[in-house]
Amino acid sequence: MEKALQQSHGMSYAEYQRNLDKRIEVEKAREKSYMESARIVLEANK
């Protein structure tokens, strides 16, 4: 998880844990990515 977080968001897990603003930023990016993926899957299944 540490390596994935570092590669995807440019921060360590420790930094993610202690900084609420960065944690919110990461979770918003994850949700956006998930929604884009879900939209693509929905379009592909039409």
Protein backbone atom coordinates (compact mmCIF):
# COMPACT_ATOMS: atom_id res chain seq x y z
CA MET A 1 0.00 0.00 0.00
CA GLU A 2 2.88 2.35 0.82
CA LYS A 3 4.39 1.99 -2.65
CA ALA A 4 1.04 2.44 -4.40
CA LEU A 5 0.25 5.55 -2.38
CA GLN A 6 3.69 6.97 -3.12
CA GLN A 7 3.39 6.28 -6.86
CA SER A 8 -0.20 7.44 -7.24
CA HIS A 9 -0.25 10.47 -4.98
CA GLY A 10 3.37 11.31 -4.24
CA MET A 11 3.22 10.90 -0.46
CA SER A 12 4.09 8.33 2.17
CA TYR A 13 1.48 6.48 4.20
CA ALA A 14 2.70 8.25 7.35
CA GLU A 15 2.11 11.62 5.69
CA TYR A 16 -1.32 10.42 4.52
CA GLN A 17 -2.23 9.40 8.07
CA ARG A 18 -1.15 12.57 9.85
CA ASN A 19 -2.41 15.22 7.40
CA LEU A 20 -6.20 15.39 7.10
CA ASP A 21 -6.15 17.80 4.14
CA LYS A 22 -3.92 15.46 2.13
CA ARG A 23 -6.05 12.47 3.11
CA ILE A 24 -9.18 14.24 1.84
CA GLU A 25 -7.39 15.19 -1.37
CA VAL A 26 -6.34 11.55 -1.95
CA GLU A 27 -9.83 10.21 -1.23
CA LYS A 28 -11.43 12.73 -3.61
CA ALA A 29 -8.99 11.67 -6.34
CA ARG A 30 -9.79 8.01 -5.67
CA GLU A 31 -13.52 8.67 -5.88
CA LYS A 32 -13.10 10.62 -9.13
CA SER A 33 -11.05 7.78 -10.62
CA TYR A 34 -13.66 5.24 -9.51
CA MET A 35 -16.52 7.25 -11.02
CA GLU A 36 -14.66 7.64 -14.33
CA SER A 37 -14.00 3.90 -14.42
CA ALA A 38 -17.62 3.10 -13.62
CA ARG A 39 -18.76 5.43 -16.42
CA ILE A 40 -16.43 3.74 -18.91
CA VAL A 41 -17.68 0.29 -17.91
CA LEU A 42 -21.29 1.44 -18.21
CA GLU A 43 -20.66 2.82 -21.69
CA ALA A 44 -18.85 -0.36 -22.75
CA ASN A 45 -21.78 -2.49 -21.61
CA LYS A 46 -24.37 -0.62 -23.68
